[in-house]
Amino acid sequence: MAKKDSSPRRLKGYYKFSKKYPSRRGTGYAIGESRKMKKRERSLKVLTAFLLIALFAVAFVGVSLYIKLSARPLPEKKPETENTVTVENMGEIRAIFLENATLGDADGFSRFLENAKKNGFNTVMLDFKDSNGVLTYGSSLIDIPAGYEYNEVNQAVLDKIKTEGFKVIARVYCFEDSISPQRLGAYVYEDAEKTKIWFDAPAIQGGGVWLDPVNERAQNYLCSVIKEISDFGADCIYLESVEFPAAYNGAVPVFTADDTTLNKNQVLMQFIEKASSAAGNRPLFMGTSYDGAVGGDAEKLGGTLFDTAASVCSPLIEKPESGDYISLIETEYAKLNDSVKNNFTTLKVVPTVKNQPEDTNFYEKLSHSAAKSYIIVP
C-alpha cells in the first residue's frame, strides 16, 4: 500500500492575515494587531524608560553621597593615654583626702604623699570646688571675692601627685555654694515671689546661701566647672551636695511657685545626667549620705541617688555609736555592691568613710579588710 503523500494533521503556518505575524523586529504585531496590544506595548516601553531613569538617578545620588563622605574628615576623638581612668580599668580605689592647706607646705605635701603610699593608698582626693564655692584650680569661669584664701591646685600639683603614682579625684561641691548665687542670679529664696534670700543658718552663726537646684543657670554653671576639671586632667570627679537644702527652725526654702508639684528626685537625676556628659570620659562619683543610697531622703533628694547617670555611687558610711567600724564598712561594701548588679547605669559602689585619727592602725586595718575600694575623708 502506498504511503500517503500528505499528513492528515494540518500544519500551522503564517498566513497573510495572521494576528501573530512577526514584525521586522520579531517582537511586535505588524499585521492584524489590535489597538489594545499596541497600547500595551507603548505603555511597557514608557514604564521601562521611566525605570531606567529612576535607576540612574538613584545611582547618581549614591555615588555623589559616597564621594562626599569619603572626602569628609573623620570627627576628632579626644586622645586617651594608657593612664586614662575609665570605669573598665578603674580597679580598686583606695583614696585619701588631701587638705587644701597642705599644698601651701612643700615639705608637708611631700610627706603626705609618702605616707599615703606607705599606707596602701593609690588615689588622692582634693577639693576643686569647695563648700564655699571657691574654684581652687584657677578657673576662668568666675572671680573669687577678696578675702578667700586658698592654695591653687595647679598643673605642678597635679603632676607631682601623678608622678608619685596616684590617681586624682576632684571633689566638687555643687549646690552648696556661697559665692556664685549672686553672680548667677540663682539664689534659693524663702518665698515664691523671690523677695527674701534663704540662708542655711542664722546670719549670726555664719549661714550661707545656696545655688538653686531648679535654676538652669546654676546647673549650666556647675556643668561648665565639671568640664573644665575634666579638661584640666583630674582622673575622676566626685560630686558632693547634689541635694536640695533643708529647712530649719521655720526657715523653709522655696524653689518654685508651687513646690507641692516639684519632683526633686527628677531634677537631681537630670542634673547628674548633664554632669556626666560634661565629665566626658572621666568617671563620675555620686557622693551622697547613706540614706541617699539606701531608703532615700524625701526632703533633700526626693528619693535615692543610688542608680544615677554617675558611674560610681559613693555613700558616706558613718562610724556607729557601738560596734566595730571596719566590720560595718565591710558589710555595707558587700551589700551595696551586690545591690548595684541590678542597676542600669551606676556600675560600682566605692563607700566614703570617716578618718579615725585616734586609731593609729585604722589605715592598716581598712587595707586588710574585705572592702577593696574606699575613700577616706576627715
Protein backbone atom coordinates (compact mmCIF):
# COMPACT_ATOMS: atom_id res chain seq x y z
CA MET A 1 0.00 0.00 0.00
CA ALA A 2 1.43 3.32 -1.00
CA LYS A 3 2.27 5.87 1.67
CA LYS A 4 0.01 8.87 1.78
CA ASP A 5 1.66 11.87 0.29
CA SER A 6 0.12 14.28 2.82
CA SER A 7 -0.41 14.07 6.57
CA PRO A 8 -3.94 14.33 7.93
CA ARG A 9 -2.59 16.73 10.59
CA ARG A 10 -2.80 20.24 9.33
CA LEU A 11 0.42 22.11 9.75
CA LYS A 12 0.14 25.58 11.24
CA GLY A 13 1.81 28.38 9.44
CA TYR A 14 1.76 32.08 8.96
CA TYR A 15 -0.66 33.49 6.51
CA LYS A 16 -1.36 36.95 5.32
CA PHE A 17 -3.96 37.92 7.93
CA SER A 18 -2.50 36.13 10.94
CA LYS A 19 -2.60 38.19 14.17
CA LYS A 20 0.76 36.79 15.28
CA TYR A 21 2.66 37.51 12.11
CA PRO A 22 6.05 38.83 13.33
CA SER A 23 7.26 42.34 12.66
CA ARG A 24 10.73 43.14 11.40
CA ARG A 25 11.97 43.16 14.99
CA GLY A 26 10.29 39.83 15.64
CA THR A 27 8.55 41.09 18.78
CA GLY A 28 5.70 43.38 17.72
CA TYR A 29 2.45 42.88 15.95
CA ALA A 30 2.67 44.24 12.46
CA ILE A 31 -0.37 42.59 10.87
CA GLY A 32 -3.85 42.33 12.31
CA GLU A 33 -2.70 43.69 15.63
CA SER A 34 -5.31 45.13 17.92
CA ARG A 35 -5.25 48.62 19.36
CA LYS A 36 -5.17 47.06 22.81
CA MET A 37 -1.94 45.23 22.06
CA LYS A 38 -0.37 48.31 20.54
CA LYS A 39 -1.32 50.40 23.59
CA ARG A 40 0.10 47.76 25.96
CA GLU A 41 3.40 47.72 24.08
CA ARG A 42 3.65 51.51 24.24
CA SER A 43 2.91 51.51 28.00
CA LEU A 44 5.58 48.88 28.55
CA LYS A 45 8.15 50.97 26.73
CA VAL A 46 7.26 54.07 28.76
CA LEU A 47 7.49 52.12 32.01
CA THR A 48 10.85 50.66 31.06
CA ALA A 49 12.21 54.10 30.21
CA PHE A 50 10.95 55.52 33.49
CA LEU A 51 12.56 52.70 35.49
CA LEU A 52 15.88 53.22 33.74
CA ILE A 53 15.79 56.95 34.51
CA ALA A 54 14.92 56.29 38.17
CA LEU A 55 17.72 53.72 38.46
CA PHE A 56 20.19 56.20 37.00
CA ALA A 57 19.05 58.92 39.42
CA VAL A 58 19.45 56.62 42.45
CA ALA A 59 22.89 55.53 41.27
CA PHE A 60 23.94 59.15 40.71
CA VAL A 61 22.81 60.22 44.20
CA GLY A 62 24.52 57.20 45.78
CA VAL A 63 27.83 57.86 44.06
CA SER A 64 27.67 61.59 44.91
CA LEU A 65 26.99 60.80 48.59
CA TYR A 66 29.85 58.31 48.68
CA ILE A 67 32.25 60.88 47.23
CA LYS A 68 31.19 63.50 49.80
CA LEU A 69 31.53 61.09 52.73
CA SER A 70 34.90 59.82 51.57
CA ALA A 71 36.20 63.38 51.37
CA ARG A 72 34.73 64.39 54.78
CA PRO A 73 37.26 64.41 57.64
CA LEU A 74 36.65 61.95 60.46
CA PRO A 75 35.49 63.51 63.76
CA GLU A 76 38.36 64.21 66.07
CA LYS A 77 38.35 61.87 69.03
CA LYS A 78 39.83 63.10 72.27
CA PRO A 79 43.10 61.18 72.66
CA GLU A 80 43.25 58.77 75.54
CA THR A 81 46.52 57.78 77.09
CA GLU A 82 47.19 54.48 78.78
CA ASN A 83 46.81 56.25 82.13
CA THR A 84 43.27 57.49 81.45
CA VAL A 85 40.95 56.11 84.13
CA THR A 86 37.71 54.58 82.90
CA VAL A 87 35.04 52.50 84.59
CA GLU A 88 36.52 49.42 82.94
CA ASN A 89 40.10 49.92 84.14
CA MET A 90 39.31 51.71 87.38
CA GLY A 91 40.10 48.67 89.52
CA GLU A 92 40.36 49.18 93.26
CA ILE A 93 40.13 52.77 94.51
CA ARG A 94 41.79 53.41 97.88
CA ALA A 95 41.69 57.18 98.25
CA ILE A 96 42.74 59.59 100.96
CA PHE A 97 41.63 63.23 101.12
CA LEU A 98 44.30 65.92 100.86
CA GLU A 99 43.51 69.19 102.65
CA ASN A 100 43.99 72.31 100.54
CA ALA A 101 46.12 73.86 103.31
CA THR A 102 48.71 71.10 102.89
CA LEU A 103 49.50 72.36 99.39
CA GLY A 104 50.99 75.50 100.94
CA ASP A 105 53.74 73.49 102.61
CA ALA A 106 56.05 71.80 100.08
CA ASP A 107 57.63 69.51 102.68
CA GLY A 108 54.27 68.66 104.22
CA PHE A 109 52.86 67.90 100.77
CA SER A 110 55.74 65.52 100.01
CA ARG A 111 55.37 63.79 103.40
CA PHE A 112 51.65 63.37 102.83
CA LEU A 113 52.23 61.56 99.53
CA GLU A 114 54.99 59.44 101.03
CA ASN A 115 52.80 58.35 103.95
CA ALA A 116 49.84 57.71 101.63
CA LYS A 117 51.97 55.35 99.57
CA LYS A 118 53.21 53.52 102.67
CA ASN A 119 49.61 53.03 103.85
CA GLY A 120 48.49 51.42 100.60
CA PHE A 121 46.59 54.33 99.04
CA ASN A 122 46.59 54.68 95.26
CA THR A 123 44.37 57.76 94.87
CA VAL A 124 44.31 61.29 96.27
CA MET A 125 41.16 63.40 96.57
CA LEU A 126 41.31 67.20 96.52
CA ASP A 127 38.69 69.95 96.58
CA PHE A 128 38.48 71.59 93.15
CA LYS A 129 35.34 73.47 94.25
CA ASP A 130 34.95 73.75 97.99
CA SER A 131 31.84 74.21 100.11
CA ASN A 132 32.17 78.00 99.90
CA GLY A 133 32.12 77.86 96.12
CA VAL A 134 35.85 78.62 95.65
CA LEU A 135 37.26 77.14 92.44
CA THR A 136 40.74 76.14 93.58
CA TYR A 137 42.16 75.20 90.18
CA GLY A 138 42.31 78.72 88.73
CA SER A 139 39.16 78.65 86.67
CA SER A 140 38.22 81.33 84.18
CA LEU A 141 34.51 80.97 84.96
CA ILE A 142 34.19 83.20 87.99
CA ASP A 143 36.29 85.63 90.04
CA ILE A 144 36.79 84.78 93.69
CA PRO A 145 35.94 87.66 96.06
CA ALA A 146 38.73 89.20 98.10
CA GLY A 147 39.28 87.59 101.48
CA TYR A 148 39.10 83.97 100.37
CA GLU A 149 42.49 82.38 100.90
CA TYR A 150 43.36 79.05 99.33
CA ASN A 151 46.22 77.23 97.63
CA GLU A 152 45.76 76.79 93.91
CA VAL A 153 45.62 73.27 92.53
CA ASN A 154 47.82 73.99 89.54
CA GLN A 155 49.46 71.77 86.95
CA ALA A 156 52.57 71.36 89.10
CA VAL A 157 50.47 69.97 91.96
CA LEU A 158 48.66 67.60 89.62
CA ASP A 159 51.90 66.43 88.01
CA LYS A 160 53.57 65.80 91.37
CA ILE A 161 50.67 63.64 92.58
CA LYS A 162 50.57 61.63 89.38
CA THR A 163 54.35 61.27 89.22
CA GLU A 164 54.19 59.58 92.61
CA GLY A 165 51.81 57.02 91.08
CA PHE A 166 48.48 58.31 92.40
CA LYS A 167 45.22 58.93 90.59
CA VAL A 168 43.41 62.19 91.31
CA ILE A 169 39.76 62.55 92.35
CA ALA A 170 38.45 66.11 92.09
CA ARG A 171 35.72 66.82 94.63
CA VAL A 172 33.11 69.36 93.56
CA TYR A 173 30.60 70.84 96.00
CA CYS A 174 27.61 71.51 93.79
CA PHE A 175 24.59 73.42 95.10
CA GLU A 176 26.25 74.27 98.41
CA ASP A 177 27.90 77.50 97.27
CA SER A 178 28.14 80.95 98.91
CA ILE A 179 29.86 82.74 96.03
CA SER A 180 28.19 82.06 92.70
CA PRO A 181 24.46 82.55 93.52
CA GLN A 182 24.92 86.33 93.47
CA ARG A 183 26.94 86.25 90.24
CA LEU A 184 24.45 83.96 88.52
CA GLY A 185 21.23 85.32 89.99
CA ALA A 186 20.44 81.79 91.17
CA TYR A 187 19.65 82.15 94.87
CA VAL A 188 17.37 79.93 96.90
CA TYR A 189 14.58 82.10 98.36
CA GLU A 190 12.19 81.88 101.28
CA ASP A 191 9.18 82.93 99.23
CA ALA A 192 7.75 82.18 95.80
CA GLU A 193 7.91 85.89 94.93
CA LYS A 194 11.71 85.76 95.41
CA THR A 195 11.94 88.76 97.70
CA LYS A 196 13.81 87.15 100.61
CA ILE A 197 17.03 85.15 100.20
CA TRP A 198 17.25 81.90 102.16
CA PHE A 199 20.29 81.13 104.35
CA ASP A 200 21.22 77.67 105.63
CA ALA A 201 21.72 79.03 109.16
CA PRO A 202 21.12 82.32 111.01
CA ALA A 203 23.46 85.11 109.98
CA ILE A 204 24.95 85.24 113.49
CA GLN A 205 26.04 81.63 113.00
CA GLY A 206 27.61 82.33 109.63
CA GLY A 207 24.81 80.98 107.49
CA GLY A 208 25.42 80.81 103.76
CA VAL A 209 23.35 80.92 100.61
CA TRP A 210 22.87 78.05 98.14
CA LEU A 211 22.56 77.65 94.41
CA ASP A 212 19.00 76.81 93.43
CA PRO A 213 18.97 73.22 92.06
CA VAL A 214 15.97 74.08 89.87
CA ASN A 215 17.69 77.07 88.28
CA GLU A 216 19.05 76.25 84.81
CA ARG A 217 21.84 78.84 85.12
CA ALA A 218 23.06 77.11 88.28
CA GLN A 219 23.11 73.70 86.59
CA ASN A 220 24.85 75.01 83.48
CA TYR A 221 27.49 76.74 85.60
CA LEU A 222 28.25 73.55 87.53
CA CYS A 223 28.50 71.56 84.30
CA SER A 224 30.98 74.14 82.98
CA VAL A 225 33.05 73.66 86.13
CA ILE A 226 32.98 69.89 85.69
CA LYS A 227 34.05 70.18 82.05
CA GLU A 228 36.96 72.46 82.98
CA ILE A 229 38.12 70.00 85.62
CA SER A 230 37.87 67.11 83.18
CA ASP A 231 39.94 69.03 80.63
CA PHE A 232 42.40 70.04 83.34
CA GLY A 233 43.36 66.41 83.87
CA ALA A 234 41.68 65.05 87.01
CA ASP A 235 41.14 61.29 86.68
CA CYS A 236 37.73 61.17 88.37
CA ILE A 237 35.17 63.71 89.56
CA TYR A 238 33.33 63.37 92.87
CA LEU A 239 30.06 65.29 93.25
CA GLU A 240 29.16 66.49 96.73
CA SER A 241 25.99 68.28 97.91
CA VAL A 242 23.82 67.23 94.97
CA GLU A 243 20.74 67.91 97.02
CA PHE A 244 18.09 70.45 97.93
CA PRO A 245 18.85 72.47 101.08
CA ALA A 246 16.76 71.51 104.09
CA ALA A 247 14.54 73.72 106.22
CA TYR A 248 15.46 74.63 109.79
CA ASN A 249 13.62 76.46 112.58
CA GLY A 250 10.87 77.65 110.29
CA ALA A 251 13.22 78.92 107.58
CA VAL A 252 11.81 76.96 104.67
CA PRO A 253 13.49 77.19 101.25
CA VAL A 254 11.16 77.75 98.29
CA PHE A 255 12.08 76.66 94.78
CA THR A 256 9.03 77.07 92.55
CA ALA A 257 5.67 78.80 92.51
CA ASP A 258 4.17 75.56 93.85
CA ASP A 259 6.64 73.19 95.48
CA THR A 260 3.92 70.60 96.10
CA THR A 261 4.26 69.62 92.43
CA LEU A 262 8.07 69.73 92.42
CA ASN A 263 9.72 66.37 91.70
CA LYS A 264 13.05 66.88 93.45
CA ASN A 265 14.46 63.50 92.53
CA GLN A 266 13.78 64.05 88.86
CA VAL A 267 15.52 67.44 88.96
CA LEU A 268 18.63 65.94 90.56
CA MET A 269 18.67 62.92 88.26
CA GLN A 270 18.57 65.17 85.21
CA PHE A 271 21.37 67.32 86.61
CA ILE A 272 23.58 64.26 87.23
CA GLU A 273 22.96 63.17 83.66
CA LYS A 274 24.12 66.58 82.39
CA ALA A 275 27.10 66.47 84.75
CA SER A 276 28.08 63.02 83.50
CA SER A 277 28.01 64.29 79.93
CA ALA A 278 30.17 67.29 80.92
CA ALA A 279 32.71 64.98 82.59
CA GLY A 280 33.32 63.26 79.25
CA ASN A 281 35.46 60.15 79.69
CA ARG A 282 36.18 60.87 83.36
CA PRO A 283 34.27 58.57 85.75
CA LEU A 284 31.73 60.45 87.85
CA PHE A 285 31.35 59.59 91.54
CA MET A 286 27.99 60.36 93.14
CA GLY A 287 28.74 61.30 96.75
CA THR A 288 25.71 61.07 98.99
CA SER A 289 24.60 60.27 102.51
CA TYR A 290 23.91 56.65 103.39
CA ASP A 291 20.19 57.44 103.39
CA GLY A 292 20.63 58.89 99.93
CA ALA A 293 21.70 55.46 98.70
CA VAL A 294 19.53 53.25 100.90
CA GLY A 295 15.95 54.18 101.76
CA GLY A 296 16.01 57.68 100.36
CA ASP A 297 15.67 61.21 101.67
CA ALA A 298 12.37 62.92 100.81
CA GLU A 299 13.33 66.48 101.79
CA LYS A 300 16.83 66.71 100.30
CA LEU A 301 16.69 64.20 97.45
CA GLY A 302 13.07 63.33 96.85
CA GLY A 303 14.15 59.67 96.83
CA THR A 304 17.52 57.94 96.39
CA LEU A 305 20.62 58.62 94.31
CA PHE A 306 21.79 55.02 94.20
CA ASP A 307 21.23 54.41 90.49
CA THR A 308 22.05 57.53 88.50
CA ALA A 309 23.98 58.53 85.39
CA ALA A 310 27.14 58.54 87.54
CA SER A 311 29.45 55.56 87.11
CA VAL A 312 30.05 55.16 90.84
CA CYS A 313 27.84 55.66 93.88
CA SER A 314 29.79 56.70 96.98
CA PRO A 315 27.56 56.73 100.08
CA LEU A 316 29.00 58.03 103.33
CA ILE A 317 29.22 55.32 105.99
CA GLU A 318 29.40 56.94 109.40
CA LYS A 319 31.02 55.33 112.41
CA PRO A 320 28.36 53.55 114.52
CA GLU A 321 27.75 54.53 118.12
CA SER A 322 28.59 50.98 119.08
CA GLY A 323 30.24 48.13 117.28
CA ASP A 324 33.28 47.83 115.05
CA TYR A 325 33.59 50.43 112.28
CA ILE A 326 35.70 48.24 109.99
CA SER A 327 33.17 45.40 110.20
CA LEU A 328 30.35 47.80 109.30
CA ILE A 329 32.30 49.09 106.28
CA GLU A 330 32.95 45.53 105.10
CA THR A 331 29.30 44.56 105.47
CA GLU A 332 27.96 47.63 103.68
CA TYR A 333 30.57 47.37 100.93
CA ALA A 334 29.49 43.80 100.12
CA LYS A 335 25.78 44.55 100.42
CA LEU A 336 25.82 47.71 98.29
CA ASN A 337 28.00 46.23 95.55
CA ASP A 338 25.70 43.23 95.40
CA SER A 339 22.70 45.54 95.03
CA VAL A 340 24.34 47.55 92.26
CA LYS A 341 24.30 44.49 89.98
CA ASN A 342 20.66 45.27 89.21
CA ASN A 343 21.38 48.89 88.29
CA PHE A 344 21.08 50.15 84.73
CA THR A 345 23.62 52.97 84.96
CA THR A 346 25.64 53.08 88.19
CA LEU A 347 28.18 50.29 87.89
CA LYS A 348 30.06 50.30 91.16
CA VAL A 349 29.96 51.33 94.82
CA VAL A 350 33.00 52.92 96.47
CA PRO A 351 32.00 53.94 100.02
CA THR A 352 33.17 57.16 101.61
CA VAL A 353 34.28 56.66 105.21
CA LYS A 354 35.39 58.96 108.02
CA ASN A 355 39.01 59.02 109.11
CA GLN A 356 39.73 57.85 112.65
CA PRO A 357 42.91 59.68 113.70
CA GLU A 358 42.61 58.32 117.24
CA ASP A 359 43.02 54.82 115.82
CA THR A 360 46.63 54.66 114.64
CA ASN A 361 46.00 51.35 112.87
CA PHE A 362 42.87 52.46 111.05
CA TYR A 363 44.51 52.64 107.60
CA GLU A 364 46.16 49.25 108.01
CA LYS A 365 43.00 47.53 109.23
CA LEU A 366 40.96 49.02 106.40
CA SER A 367 43.55 47.98 103.80
CA HIS A 368 43.34 44.37 105.02
CA SER A 369 39.55 44.36 105.18
CA ALA A 370 37.11 42.85 102.67
CA ALA A 371 36.33 46.37 101.42
CA LYS A 372 38.50 46.62 98.33
CA SER A 373 37.65 50.23 97.46
CA TYR A 374 37.02 53.22 99.71
CA ILE A 375 37.56 56.97 100.07
CA ILE A 376 38.69 58.34 103.43
CA VAL A 377 37.65 61.89 104.30
CA PRO A 378 38.26 63.93 107.50
